[in-house]
Amino acid sequence: MLLVPVLWLMVAVGVYIAALRSGMQAMRWALAAIFTGPLLLPLFNSHKRLALRRARGRSYGLFRP
């Protein structure tokens, strides 16, 4: 019973730290993570990748083999 709220808070803290490290709006992402929990992670990862691409430019390759 207590596992789900603790898991959601851990995800929110993790998203907050990841957003801070990525230069994104950390409070907004943490608040969204509190309400949606782990379901927010794919959306967060795609927004983080888009922000990185916006910062570096279109011609910069993100993934190099």
C-alpha atoms as a PDB file:
ATOM      1  CA  MET A   1       0.000   0.000   0.000  1.00  0.00           C
ATOM      2  CA  LEU A   2       2.833   2.371   0.812  1.00  0.00           C
ATOM      3  CA  LEU A   3       4.968   1.204  -2.101  1.00  0.00           C
ATOM      4  CA  VAL A   4       3.158   3.167  -4.836  1.00  0.00           C
ATOM      5  CA  PRO A   5       3.385   6.642  -3.224  1.00  0.00           C
ATOM      6  CA  VAL A   6       7.029   6.063  -2.294  1.00  0.00           C
ATOM      7  CA  LEU A   7       7.804   4.942  -5.853  1.00  0.00           C
ATOM      8  CA  TRP A   8       6.096   8.044  -7.296  1.00  0.00           C
ATOM      9  CA  LEU A   9       8.040  10.344  -4.971  1.00  0.00           C
ATOM     10  CA  MET A  10      11.304   8.632  -5.889  1.00  0.00           C
ATOM     11  CA  VAL A  11      10.517   9.090  -9.578  1.00  0.00           C
ATOM     12  CA  ALA A  12       9.687  12.764  -8.951  1.00  0.00           C
ATOM     13  CA  VAL A  13      13.000  13.324  -7.164  1.00  0.00           C
ATOM     14  CA  GLY A  14      14.880  11.514  -9.917  1.00  0.00           C
ATOM     15  CA  VAL A  15      13.182  13.560 -12.627  1.00  0.00           C
ATOM     16  CA  TYR A  16      13.892  16.752 -10.670  1.00  0.00           C
ATOM     17  CA  ILE A  17      17.604  15.940 -10.466  1.00  0.00           C
ATOM     18  CA  ALA A  18      17.765  14.907 -14.131  1.00  0.00           C
ATOM     19  CA  ALA A  19      16.013  18.123 -15.184  1.00  0.00           C
ATOM     20  CA  LEU A  20      18.425  20.207 -13.115  1.00  0.00           C
ATOM     21  CA  ARG A  21      21.401  18.480 -14.704  1.00  0.00           C
ATOM     22  CA  SER A  22      19.935  18.957 -18.188  1.00  0.00           C
ATOM     23  CA  GLY A  23      19.144  22.641 -17.766  1.00  0.00           C
ATOM     24  CA  MET A  24      15.379  22.158 -17.997  1.00  0.00           C
ATOM     25  CA  GLN A  25      12.665  23.587 -15.753  1.00  0.00           C
ATOM     26  CA  ALA A  26      13.093  21.250 -12.811  1.00  0.00           C
ATOM     27  CA  MET A  27      10.084  22.220 -10.692  1.00  0.00           C
ATOM     28  CA  ARG A  28       7.697  21.849 -13.614  1.00  0.00           C
ATOM     29  CA  TRP A  29       8.969  18.372 -14.409  1.00  0.00           C
ATOM     30  CA  ALA A  30       8.953  17.306 -10.747  1.00  0.00           C
ATOM     31  CA  LEU A  31       5.361  18.469 -10.350  1.00  0.00           C
ATOM     32  CA  ALA A  32       4.346  16.585 -13.479  1.00  0.00           C
ATOM     33  CA  ALA A  33       6.138  13.487 -12.162  1.00  0.00           C
ATOM     34  CA  ILE A  34       4.264  13.682  -8.864  1.00  0.00           C
ATOM     35  CA  PHE A  35       0.963  13.557 -10.721  1.00  0.00           C
ATOM     36  CA  THR A  36       1.846  10.971 -13.359  1.00  0.00           C
ATOM     37  CA  GLY A  37       4.574   8.923 -11.715  1.00  0.00           C
ATOM     38  CA  PRO A  38       6.699   6.610 -13.866  1.00  0.00           C
ATOM     39  CA  LEU A  39       4.424   7.222 -16.871  1.00  0.00           C
ATOM     40  CA  LEU A  40       6.216  10.546 -17.379  1.00  0.00           C
ATOM     41  CA  LEU A  41       9.650   9.033 -18.047  1.00  0.00           C
ATOM     42  CA  PRO A  42       9.295   8.474 -21.838  1.00  0.00           C
ATOM     43  CA  LEU A  43       7.968  12.017 -22.293  1.00  0.00           C
ATOM     44  CA  PHE A  44      10.762  13.442 -20.161  1.00  0.00           C
ATOM     45  CA  ASN A  45      13.448  11.569 -22.106  1.00  0.00           C
ATOM     46  CA  SER A  46      12.115  12.796 -25.442  1.00  0.00           C
ATOM     47  CA  HIS A  47      11.921  16.404 -24.211  1.00  0.00           C
ATOM     48  CA  LYS A  48      15.434  16.160 -22.825  1.00  0.00           C
ATOM     49  CA  ARG A  49      16.736  14.895 -26.161  1.00  0.00           C
ATOM     50  CA  LEU A  50      14.890  17.665 -28.049  1.00  0.00           C
ATOM     51  CA  ALA A  51      16.301  20.319 -25.708  1.00  0.00           C
ATOM     52  CA  LEU A  52      19.802  18.954 -26.286  1.00  0.00           C
ATOM     53  CA  ARG A  53      19.252  19.032 -30.027  1.00  0.00           C
ATOM     54  CA  ARG A  54      17.931  22.603 -29.852  1.00  0.00           C
ATOM     55  CA  ALA A  55      20.954  23.700 -27.836  1.00  0.00           C
ATOM     56  CA  ARG A  56      23.540  22.079 -30.104  1.00  0.00           C
ATOM     57  CA  GLY A  57      21.884  22.639 -33.472  1.00  0.00           C
ATOM     58  CA  ARG A  58      20.427  20.387 -36.134  1.00  0.00           C
ATOM     59  CA  SER A  59      23.673  19.438 -37.810  1.00  0.00           C
ATOM     60  CA  TYR A  60      25.177  18.000 -34.615  1.00  0.00           C
ATOM     61  CA  GLY A  61      24.830  14.201 -34.373  1.00  0.00           C
ATOM     62  CA  LEU A  62      23.512  13.009 -31.019  1.00  0.00           C
ATOM     63  CA  PHE A  63      24.334   9.347 -31.435  1.00  0.00           C
ATOM     64  CA  ARG A  64      27.595   8.274 -32.981  1.00  0.00           C
ATOM     65  CA  PRO A  65      28.315   4.575 -33.431  1.00  0.00           C
END
